[in-house]
Amino acid sequence: MRRIRVNEDIKPMSEFRTGIASFLKQIHDTKRPLIITQHGKGVAVLLDAGEYEAMQEKIELLQDIQTSISQIEGGQGVDHEQAKVMVLKRIG
C-alpha cells in the first residue's frame, strides 16, 4: 500500500457521497487508501480490496514472527540441526 497524499486522499463525507464512483476508481488506480472525514475528523478508511488482502497477509506474517521471537526467548526454540532433522523427516 502506498502512502496517502494528504491533499488528495482525505475527503469529507459529503464529497465522498456525491463522487463515490470516482473515489473507488481513485483507490483502485493509485493503490492508496482514502480517508473519509465527518465534521473534520477521520471516521473511515477505504482501501482497494487487493491492498487490504496484502496488508492482512503482512500483519499475519508479523504476528508469526512475534510469536517465534517470544517462543525463542521462552526457551522453546530448536537449533538449526534439530530443525533440519525435523523438516527432513516430514518431507522424506
N, C-alpha and C. Protein backbone atom coordinates (compact mmCIF):
# COMPACT_ATOMS: atom_id res chain seq x y z
N MET A 1 0.85 -1.17 0.00
CA MET A 1 0.00 0.00 0.00
C MET A 1 0.90 1.23 0.00
N ARG A 2 0.55 2.18 -0.80
CA ARG A 2 1.31 3.42 -0.89
C ARG A 2 0.87 4.39 0.18
N ARG A 3 1.75 5.32 0.51
CA ARG A 3 1.43 6.35 1.50
C ARG A 3 0.33 7.27 0.96
N ILE A 4 -0.48 7.76 1.87
CA ILE A 4 -1.53 8.69 1.45
C ILE A 4 -0.91 10.04 1.09
N ARG A 5 -1.60 10.75 0.25
CA ARG A 5 -1.26 12.13 -0.06
C ARG A 5 -2.35 12.98 0.56
N VAL A 6 -1.98 13.74 1.54
CA VAL A 6 -2.95 14.48 2.36
C VAL A 6 -3.87 15.33 1.50
N ASN A 7 -3.34 15.98 0.48
CA ASN A 7 -4.17 16.88 -0.32
C ASN A 7 -5.07 16.13 -1.31
N GLU A 8 -4.86 14.83 -1.52
CA GLU A 8 -5.66 14.06 -2.47
C GLU A 8 -6.48 12.95 -1.83
N ASP A 9 -6.05 12.44 -0.70
CA ASP A 9 -6.62 11.21 -0.17
C ASP A 9 -7.42 11.38 1.11
N ILE A 10 -7.76 12.60 1.46
CA ILE A 10 -8.63 12.85 2.60
C ILE A 10 -9.82 13.64 2.09
N LYS A 11 -11.00 13.06 2.24
CA LYS A 11 -12.21 13.68 1.68
C LYS A 11 -13.32 13.71 2.72
N PRO A 12 -14.08 14.80 2.74
CA PRO A 12 -15.23 14.84 3.65
C PRO A 12 -16.34 13.91 3.15
N MET A 13 -17.15 13.46 4.08
CA MET A 13 -18.24 12.54 3.78
C MET A 13 -19.15 13.11 2.69
N SER A 14 -19.46 14.38 2.74
CA SER A 14 -20.36 14.96 1.75
C SER A 14 -19.79 14.86 0.34
N GLU A 15 -18.50 15.08 0.19
CA GLU A 15 -17.85 14.96 -1.12
C GLU A 15 -17.78 13.50 -1.54
N PHE A 16 -17.55 12.61 -0.59
CA PHE A 16 -17.49 11.18 -0.89
C PHE A 16 -18.83 10.68 -1.40
N ARG A 17 -19.92 11.11 -0.75
CA ARG A 17 -21.26 10.68 -1.15
C ARG A 17 -21.56 11.02 -2.60
N THR A 18 -21.17 12.22 -3.01
CA THR A 18 -21.51 12.67 -4.37
C THR A 18 -20.57 12.12 -5.43
N GLY A 19 -19.41 11.65 -5.04
CA GLY A 19 -18.45 11.18 -6.04
C GLY A 19 -17.91 9.79 -5.78
N ILE A 20 -18.74 8.92 -5.22
CA ILE A 20 -18.25 7.60 -4.80
C ILE A 20 -17.60 6.81 -5.93
N ALA A 21 -18.18 6.83 -7.11
CA ALA A 21 -17.61 6.06 -8.23
C ALA A 21 -16.20 6.55 -8.57
N SER A 22 -16.01 7.85 -8.58
CA SER A 22 -14.68 8.38 -8.92
C SER A 22 -13.67 8.06 -7.81
N PHE A 23 -14.12 8.03 -6.57
CA PHE A 23 -13.21 7.70 -5.47
C PHE A 23 -12.85 6.22 -5.47
N LEU A 24 -13.80 5.35 -5.83
CA LEU A 24 -13.48 3.94 -5.96
C LEU A 24 -12.45 3.73 -7.06
N LYS A 25 -12.59 4.45 -8.16
CA LYS A 25 -11.61 4.35 -9.25
C LYS A 25 -10.25 4.87 -8.77
N GLN A 26 -10.27 5.95 -8.00
CA GLN A 26 -9.01 6.52 -7.49
C GLN A 26 -8.26 5.52 -6.63
N ILE A 27 -8.93 4.86 -5.69
CA ILE A 27 -8.21 3.91 -4.83
C ILE A 27 -7.74 2.69 -5.61
N HIS A 28 -8.52 2.32 -6.62
CA HIS A 28 -8.10 1.19 -7.45
C HIS A 28 -6.85 1.56 -8.27
N ASP A 29 -6.85 2.75 -8.86
CA ASP A 29 -5.75 3.17 -9.72
C ASP A 29 -4.48 3.50 -8.95
N THR A 30 -4.64 4.19 -7.81
CA THR A 30 -3.46 4.67 -7.07
C THR A 30 -2.94 3.67 -6.04
N LYS A 31 -3.79 2.74 -5.64
CA LYS A 31 -3.46 1.78 -4.57
C LYS A 31 -3.22 2.48 -3.23
N ARG A 32 -3.72 3.71 -3.12
CA ARG A 32 -3.61 4.45 -1.85
C ARG A 32 -4.97 4.44 -1.16
N PRO A 33 -4.98 4.41 0.16
CA PRO A 33 -6.25 4.46 0.88
C PRO A 33 -6.87 5.85 0.78
N LEU A 34 -8.16 5.91 1.00
CA LEU A 34 -8.88 7.18 1.04
C LEU A 34 -9.44 7.34 2.45
N ILE A 35 -9.12 8.44 3.08
CA ILE A 35 -9.62 8.71 4.43
C ILE A 35 -10.86 9.58 4.30
N ILE A 36 -11.93 9.14 4.92
CA ILE A 36 -13.20 9.86 4.87
C ILE A 36 -13.40 10.55 6.21
N THR A 37 -13.72 11.84 6.15
CA THR A 37 -13.90 12.61 7.37
C THR A 37 -15.37 13.00 7.55
N GLN A 38 -15.72 13.24 8.80
CA GLN A 38 -17.05 13.74 9.14
C GLN A 38 -16.85 14.75 10.26
N HIS A 39 -17.33 15.94 10.04
CA HIS A 39 -17.15 17.04 10.99
C HIS A 39 -15.67 17.27 11.29
N GLY A 40 -14.84 17.12 10.24
CA GLY A 40 -13.42 17.40 10.37
C GLY A 40 -12.57 16.32 11.02
N LYS A 41 -13.18 15.17 11.33
CA LYS A 41 -12.44 14.08 11.97
C LYS A 41 -12.51 12.84 11.10
N GLY A 42 -11.41 12.09 11.05
CA GLY A 42 -11.38 10.85 10.29
C GLY A 42 -12.34 9.83 10.88
N VAL A 43 -13.20 9.25 10.03
CA VAL A 43 -14.18 8.26 10.52
C VAL A 43 -14.06 6.92 9.81
N ALA A 44 -13.41 6.90 8.64
CA ALA A 44 -13.30 5.64 7.90
C ALA A 44 -12.12 5.70 6.93
N VAL A 45 -11.65 4.51 6.57
CA VAL A 45 -10.59 4.39 5.57
C VAL A 45 -11.09 3.42 4.52
N LEU A 46 -11.02 3.82 3.26
CA LEU A 46 -11.44 2.98 2.15
C LEU A 46 -10.20 2.48 1.43
N LEU A 47 -10.08 1.15 1.29
CA LEU A 47 -8.91 0.53 0.67
C LEU A 47 -9.32 -0.30 -0.53
N ASP A 48 -8.41 -0.41 -1.49
CA ASP A 48 -8.56 -1.36 -2.58
C ASP A 48 -8.57 -2.76 -1.97
N ALA A 49 -9.43 -3.64 -2.46
CA ALA A 49 -9.56 -4.98 -1.87
C ALA A 49 -8.24 -5.75 -1.92
N GLY A 50 -7.52 -5.67 -3.02
CA GLY A 50 -6.23 -6.35 -3.13
C GLY A 50 -5.22 -5.82 -2.14
N GLU A 51 -5.21 -4.51 -1.95
CA GLU A 51 -4.30 -3.90 -0.98
C GLU A 51 -4.66 -4.32 0.44
N TYR A 52 -5.96 -4.44 0.73
CA TYR A 52 -6.40 -4.90 2.04
C TYR A 52 -5.91 -6.32 2.31
N GLU A 53 -6.07 -7.20 1.32
CA GLU A 53 -5.63 -8.58 1.48
C GLU A 53 -4.11 -8.65 1.70
N ALA A 54 -3.37 -7.87 0.94
CA ALA A 54 -1.90 -7.85 1.10
C ALA A 54 -1.53 -7.36 2.50
N MET A 55 -2.24 -6.36 2.98
CA MET A 55 -1.98 -5.83 4.31
C MET A 55 -2.27 -6.89 5.38
N GLN A 56 -3.35 -7.64 5.22
CA GLN A 56 -3.69 -8.69 6.17
C GLN A 56 -2.61 -9.78 6.18
N GLU A 57 -2.10 -10.14 5.01
CA GLU A 57 -1.04 -11.14 4.94
C GLU A 57 0.22 -10.67 5.66
N LYS A 58 0.55 -9.39 5.49
CA LYS A 58 1.73 -8.84 6.17
C LYS A 58 1.54 -8.83 7.68
N ILE A 59 0.35 -8.50 8.13
CA ILE A 59 0.06 -8.49 9.56
C ILE A 59 0.19 -9.91 10.13
N GLU A 60 -0.35 -10.90 9.42
CA GLU A 60 -0.24 -12.29 9.88
C GLU A 60 1.21 -12.73 9.95
N LEU A 61 2.02 -12.36 8.96
CA LEU A 61 3.43 -12.71 8.97
C LEU A 61 4.15 -12.07 10.16
N LEU A 62 3.86 -10.79 10.41
CA LEU A 62 4.47 -10.11 11.55
C LEU A 62 4.05 -10.75 12.88
N GLN A 63 2.80 -11.18 12.96
CA GLN A 63 2.34 -11.86 14.18
C GLN A 63 3.07 -13.18 14.35
N ASP A 64 3.27 -13.92 13.25
CA ASP A 64 4.02 -15.18 13.32
C ASP A 64 5.46 -14.93 13.77
N ILE A 65 6.07 -13.89 13.26
CA ILE A 65 7.44 -13.55 13.66
C ILE A 65 7.49 -13.21 15.14
N GLN A 66 6.52 -12.43 15.60
CA GLN A 66 6.50 -12.06 17.02
C GLN A 66 6.30 -13.30 17.89
N THR A 67 5.44 -14.21 17.47
CA THR A 67 5.24 -15.46 18.21
C THR A 67 6.54 -16.25 18.26
N SER A 68 7.23 -16.32 17.12
CA SER A 68 8.51 -17.05 17.07
C SER A 68 9.53 -16.44 18.01
N ILE A 69 9.63 -15.13 18.02
CA ILE A 69 10.57 -14.45 18.91
C ILE A 69 10.24 -14.76 20.37
N SER A 70 8.95 -14.70 20.71
CA SER A 70 8.53 -15.00 22.08
C SER A 70 8.86 -16.44 22.46
N GLN A 71 8.66 -17.36 21.52
CA GLN A 71 8.96 -18.77 21.80
C GLN A 71 10.46 -18.97 22.00
N ILE A 72 11.28 -18.34 21.17
CA ILE A 72 12.73 -18.46 21.31
C ILE A 72 13.19 -17.88 22.64
N GLU A 73 12.65 -16.70 22.98
CA GLU A 73 13.02 -16.08 24.26
C GLU A 73 12.56 -16.92 25.44
N GLY A 74 11.49 -17.70 25.25
CA GLY A 74 10.98 -18.57 26.30
C GLY A 74 11.63 -19.94 26.32
N GLY A 75 12.67 -20.12 25.52
CA GLY A 75 13.39 -21.39 25.52
C GLY A 75 12.70 -22.49 24.74
N GLN A 76 11.76 -22.15 23.89
CA GLN A 76 11.01 -23.17 23.15
C GLN A 76 11.56 -23.39 21.75
N GLY A 77 12.64 -22.72 21.40
CA GLY A 77 13.22 -22.85 20.07
C GLY A 77 14.03 -24.12 19.92
N VAL A 78 14.36 -24.45 18.68
CA VAL A 78 15.23 -25.59 18.39
C VAL A 78 16.41 -25.08 17.57
N ASP A 79 17.56 -25.73 17.73
CA ASP A 79 18.72 -25.29 16.97
C ASP A 79 18.60 -25.73 15.51
N HIS A 80 19.50 -25.22 14.70
CA HIS A 80 19.44 -25.45 13.26
C HIS A 80 19.46 -26.94 12.90
N GLU A 81 20.37 -27.68 13.47
CA GLU A 81 20.49 -29.10 13.14
C GLU A 81 19.23 -29.88 13.51
N GLN A 82 18.68 -29.58 14.67
CA GLN A 82 17.46 -30.26 15.10
C GLN A 82 16.30 -29.91 14.16
N ALA A 83 16.20 -28.64 13.77
CA ALA A 83 15.14 -28.21 12.84
C ALA A 83 15.30 -28.91 11.49
N LYS A 84 16.53 -29.03 11.03
CA LYS A 84 16.81 -29.69 9.75
C LYS A 84 16.35 -31.15 9.78
N VAL A 85 16.66 -31.84 10.86
CA VAL A 85 16.24 -33.24 11.01
C VAL A 85 14.72 -33.34 11.00
N MET A 86 14.05 -32.44 11.70
CA MET A 86 12.59 -32.46 11.77
C MET A 86 11.97 -32.23 10.39
N VAL A 87 12.51 -31.28 9.65
CA VAL A 87 11.97 -30.98 8.31
C VAL A 87 12.21 -32.15 7.37
N LEU A 88 13.40 -32.72 7.40
CA LEU A 88 13.71 -33.84 6.52
C LEU A 88 12.84 -35.05 6.82
N LYS A 89 12.49 -35.28 8.08
CA LYS A 89 11.59 -36.38 8.44
C LYS A 89 10.21 -36.16 7.83
N ARG A 90 9.75 -34.91 7.85
CA ARG A 90 8.41 -34.61 7.33
C ARG A 90 8.33 -34.77 5.81
N ILE A 91 9.37 -34.38 5.11
CA ILE A 91 9.31 -34.44 3.65
C ILE A 91 9.83 -35.75 3.10
N GLY A 92 10.55 -36.50 3.92
CA GLY A 92 11.13 -37.76 3.43
C GLY A 92 10.36 -38.91 3.90
